[in-house]
Amino acid sequence: MSGSPDYHVSLLGDGATIWPAVQALIPGSTHAERGSSDASEIGLLGWVSATGEEIASLSTVREEHNGPLVVVLKDTPSPRGARVLAARLEGAVMVADIEHTLMPTLAAVAVGQCVMPKAIRQIVDRPPLSPRERQILAMIVLDFSNAEIARKLFVSESNVKNHLSSAFQKLGVKSRSAAAELILDRESGLGPGILHISPEESLPEIG
C-alpha cells in the first residue's frame, strides 16, 4: 500500500509484543494508555490468544475507546475466544500474517467492514449439533454421568459416548467439563440456548 492511510491507529494494549511490527508497518501509529474519544480512530490490541483475561478486558476498552477495535493474535484462539472475536471486534489479524494482512484489514475496518481471518471463521462455523447431541449435552451440563444418561434415554453407554465424541468435536473441546464450561459461558457466543430442541425437530431413533 502506498502513501499514508486515511485513518489513525492507536495501540491500546500489547500483551503479545506486537508494537515493533505495527510501527514498522504504520510509522504514524501511537501507543496509547487510554482509548481515544475519536470514533474514527482504530484501536489496536495485541493479544496472546483471546484468553479469558484478555476477553474480560474488552468491556473496559469499549468504554474508553469509541472507535473500532482490531486485535492482533499471537496464537490461534480457543472456540470461545474465536466466537468472542467474531461477535465483539471489528477485525482480527494473526501475528504470523501481519505483514500481508494488517494494512488491508485496517483499511476495510476504517470504512465500516468487519474482517476475520479464515482460520477463526472456521472455528466459529462448526457443524450444528444434532437434537440428540443437544439433549445429551444438556444432561452433561446438569452433571449426569454417562451411565445415568444412558438409563434415562434407554440407550447404551457406548451410544452416549459416540454422541458426546461427535459433539465435543463440533464444539472444539475434549472433555465433559470443557463442554459444560463453554455452554454456560454466555460470552462464548454459545450459551445454554444452543441446547434448545424445537417442537419441529425430531430426535433420532433410540439405539
Protein backbone atom coordinates (compact mmCIF):
# COMPACT_ATOMS: atom_id res chain seq x y z
CA MET A 1 0.00 0.00 0.00
CA SER A 2 1.46 3.36 -0.98
CA GLY A 3 1.00 6.71 0.74
CA SER A 4 -0.33 7.40 4.24
CA PRO A 5 -3.52 5.69 5.40
CA ASP A 6 -6.72 7.74 5.79
CA TYR A 7 -7.16 6.63 9.39
CA HIS A 8 -5.25 6.82 12.66
CA VAL A 9 -4.27 3.82 14.75
CA SER A 10 -3.56 3.70 18.48
CA LEU A 11 -2.23 0.67 20.33
CA LEU A 12 -4.46 0.24 23.38
CA GLY A 13 -2.87 -2.87 24.83
CA ASP A 14 0.05 -5.10 23.92
CA GLY A 15 0.14 -8.41 25.74
CA ALA A 16 1.76 -10.10 22.74
CA THR A 17 4.55 -7.55 21.98
CA ILE A 18 3.24 -6.60 18.55
CA TRP A 19 4.22 -2.93 18.83
CA PRO A 20 7.53 -3.12 16.88
CA ALA A 21 5.83 -4.87 13.95
CA VAL A 22 2.97 -2.35 13.96
CA GLN A 23 5.35 0.61 13.97
CA ALA A 24 7.27 -0.85 11.04
CA LEU A 25 4.06 -1.08 9.01
CA ILE A 26 2.40 2.13 10.24
CA PRO A 27 5.04 4.69 11.30
CA GLY A 28 2.38 7.23 12.31
CA SER A 29 0.66 4.96 14.82
CA THR A 30 0.75 5.83 18.51
CA HIS A 31 0.98 3.83 21.70
CA ALA A 32 -1.91 4.96 23.89
CA GLU A 33 -2.54 4.03 27.51
CA ARG A 34 -6.19 5.06 27.16
CA GLY A 35 -8.52 4.94 24.19
CA SER A 36 -9.36 7.98 22.12
CA SER A 37 -12.77 9.64 22.03
CA ASP A 38 -12.43 9.94 18.26
CA ALA A 39 -14.82 7.41 16.73
CA SER A 40 -12.77 7.29 13.53
CA GLU A 41 -9.61 6.12 15.32
CA ILE A 42 -8.90 2.41 15.17
CA GLY A 43 -7.84 0.85 18.45
CA LEU A 44 -5.31 -1.97 18.12
CA LEU A 45 -4.94 -4.73 20.71
CA GLY A 46 -2.02 -7.14 20.95
CA TRP A 47 -3.33 -10.38 22.43
CA VAL A 48 -1.84 -13.81 23.01
CA SER A 49 -4.88 -15.89 22.01
CA ALA A 50 -8.09 -14.23 23.27
CA THR A 51 -7.61 -15.69 26.76
CA GLY A 52 -10.23 -15.28 29.47
CA GLU A 53 -8.34 -12.35 30.95
CA GLU A 54 -7.99 -10.66 27.57
CA ILE A 55 -11.68 -11.13 26.81
CA ALA A 56 -12.62 -9.75 30.24
CA SER A 57 -10.75 -6.52 29.43
CA LEU A 58 -12.95 -5.80 26.40
CA SER A 59 -15.75 -4.09 28.32
CA THR A 60 -13.33 -1.53 29.76
CA VAL A 61 -11.64 -0.99 26.40
CA ARG A 62 -15.02 -0.36 24.76
CA GLU A 63 -15.93 2.18 27.41
CA GLU A 64 -12.68 4.09 26.84
CA HIS A 65 -12.49 3.84 23.05
CA ASN A 66 -15.32 4.89 20.75
CA GLY A 67 -13.76 3.72 17.51
CA PRO A 68 -13.49 0.23 16.00
CA LEU A 69 -11.19 -2.37 17.56
CA VAL A 70 -8.78 -4.71 15.77
CA VAL A 71 -6.86 -7.44 17.59
CA VAL A 72 -3.53 -8.94 16.59
CA LEU A 73 -3.25 -12.52 17.86
CA LYS A 74 -0.04 -14.40 18.57
CA ASP A 75 -1.74 -17.83 18.75
CA THR A 76 -4.93 -19.38 17.40
CA PRO A 77 -7.83 -18.75 19.81
CA SER A 78 -9.99 -21.35 21.51
CA PRO A 79 -13.57 -21.85 20.26
CA ARG A 80 -14.77 -19.46 22.95
CA GLY A 81 -12.16 -16.89 22.02
CA ALA A 82 -12.97 -17.17 18.32
CA ARG A 83 -16.66 -16.59 18.93
CA VAL A 84 -15.98 -13.54 21.08
CA LEU A 85 -13.69 -12.09 18.41
CA ALA A 86 -16.29 -12.59 15.69
CA ALA A 87 -19.09 -11.14 17.82
CA ARG A 88 -17.42 -8.21 19.56
CA LEU A 89 -14.50 -6.94 17.47
CA GLU A 90 -14.32 -5.30 14.06
CA GLY A 91 -11.18 -7.07 12.93
CA ALA A 92 -8.51 -9.64 13.75
CA VAL A 93 -5.07 -10.46 12.34
CA MET A 94 -2.65 -13.26 13.15
CA VAL A 95 0.89 -12.15 14.06
CA ALA A 96 2.35 -14.65 11.59
CA ASP A 97 0.46 -12.93 8.76
CA ILE A 98 0.71 -9.33 9.95
CA GLU A 99 2.87 -8.07 7.08
CA HIS A 100 0.29 -9.14 4.50
CA THR A 101 -2.99 -8.72 6.38
CA LEU A 102 -2.78 -5.81 8.84
CA MET A 103 -2.97 -2.94 6.37
CA PRO A 104 -5.84 -4.43 4.27
CA THR A 105 -7.72 -5.25 7.49
CA LEU A 106 -7.33 -1.74 8.87
CA ALA A 107 -8.39 -0.20 5.56
CA ALA A 108 -11.54 -2.34 5.49
CA VAL A 109 -12.38 -1.63 9.13
CA ALA A 110 -11.89 2.11 8.55
CA VAL A 111 -14.77 2.09 6.04
CA GLY A 112 -17.12 0.10 8.24
CA GLN A 113 -16.32 -3.51 7.38
CA CYS A 114 -15.63 -6.36 9.78
CA VAL A 115 -12.72 -8.65 8.93
CA MET A 116 -11.86 -12.02 10.48
CA PRO A 117 -9.17 -14.50 9.37
CA LYS A 118 -10.44 -17.62 7.64
CA ALA A 119 -8.99 -19.79 10.42
CA ILE A 120 -11.14 -18.00 13.02
CA ARG A 121 -14.26 -18.21 10.87
CA GLN A 122 -13.72 -21.95 10.50
CA ILE A 123 -13.63 -22.32 14.28
CA VAL A 124 -16.82 -20.31 14.66
CA ASP A 125 -18.68 -22.00 11.80
CA ARG A 126 -18.61 -25.51 13.21
CA PRO A 127 -21.29 -28.03 12.13
CA PRO A 128 -24.55 -27.66 14.09
CA LEU A 129 -25.33 -30.02 16.94
CA SER A 130 -27.95 -32.69 16.30
CA PRO A 131 -31.03 -32.81 18.55
CA ARG A 132 -29.68 -35.93 20.29
CA GLU A 133 -26.28 -34.29 20.86
CA ARG A 134 -28.01 -31.26 22.37
CA GLN A 135 -30.14 -33.50 24.58
CA ILE A 136 -27.10 -35.35 25.91
CA LEU A 137 -25.07 -32.15 26.37
CA ALA A 138 -27.92 -30.66 28.39
CA MET A 139 -27.64 -33.63 30.74
CA ILE A 140 -23.87 -33.18 30.88
CA VAL A 141 -24.42 -29.58 31.98
CA LEU A 142 -26.67 -30.95 34.74
CA ASP A 143 -23.76 -33.22 35.76
CA PHE A 144 -25.32 -36.56 34.85
CA SER A 145 -22.87 -39.40 34.30
CA ASN A 146 -22.78 -41.34 31.02
CA ALA A 147 -24.43 -44.28 32.78
CA GLU A 148 -27.24 -42.08 34.11
CA ILE A 149 -27.79 -40.54 30.69
CA ALA A 150 -27.92 -43.98 29.09
CA ARG A 151 -30.54 -45.18 31.60
CA LYS A 152 -32.73 -42.09 31.20
CA LEU A 153 -32.62 -42.23 27.40
CA PHE A 154 -32.85 -46.04 27.19
CA VAL A 155 -29.66 -46.28 25.14
CA SER A 156 -26.28 -47.93 25.68
CA GLU A 157 -23.34 -46.10 27.26
CA SER A 158 -21.39 -46.59 24.04
CA ASN A 159 -24.19 -44.76 22.20
CA VAL A 160 -23.89 -41.87 24.65
CA LYS A 161 -20.11 -41.82 24.24
CA ASN A 162 -20.42 -41.73 20.44
CA HIS A 163 -22.78 -38.76 20.55
CA LEU A 164 -20.53 -36.96 23.04
CA SER A 165 -17.45 -37.56 20.91
CA SER A 166 -19.22 -36.02 17.92
CA ALA A 167 -20.50 -33.07 19.98
CA PHE A 168 -17.07 -32.42 21.52
CA GLN A 169 -15.52 -32.30 18.06
CA LYS A 170 -18.11 -29.78 16.87
CA LEU A 171 -17.60 -27.60 19.95
CA GLY A 172 -13.82 -27.86 19.77
CA VAL A 173 -13.45 -29.30 23.28
CA LYS A 174 -12.03 -32.54 24.66
CA SER A 175 -13.87 -33.14 27.91
CA ARG A 176 -17.25 -33.00 29.63
CA SER A 177 -16.15 -30.18 31.91
CA ALA A 178 -14.84 -28.10 29.00
CA ALA A 179 -18.10 -28.59 27.09
CA ALA A 180 -20.19 -27.55 30.10
CA GLU A 181 -17.99 -24.51 30.75
CA LEU A 182 -18.24 -23.42 27.12
CA ILE A 183 -22.02 -23.79 27.01
CA LEU A 184 -22.59 -21.96 30.30
CA ASP A 185 -20.28 -19.09 29.33
CA ARG A 186 -22.53 -16.60 27.53
CA GLU A 187 -19.51 -14.65 26.27
CA SER A 188 -18.51 -17.70 24.23
CA GLY A 189 -21.20 -16.90 21.70
CA LEU A 190 -22.99 -20.15 22.56
CA GLY A 191 -24.91 -20.13 25.84
CA PRO A 192 -27.49 -22.66 27.07
CA GLY A 193 -29.76 -21.66 24.18
CA ILE A 194 -27.83 -23.92 21.82
CA LEU A 195 -29.30 -26.91 23.70
CA HIS A 196 -32.89 -25.98 22.87
CA ILE A 197 -34.80 -28.54 20.83
CA SER A 198 -37.77 -27.07 18.96
CA PRO A 199 -41.06 -28.97 18.56
CA GLU A 200 -40.34 -29.21 14.83
CA GLU A 201 -37.16 -31.20 15.46
CA SER A 202 -37.44 -34.92 15.87
CA LEU A 203 -34.85 -36.86 17.81
CA PRO A 204 -33.09 -39.70 16.04
CA GLU A 205 -34.22 -43.19 16.79
CA ILE A 206 -33.09 -44.56 20.14
CA GLY A 207 -30.32 -47.06 19.85
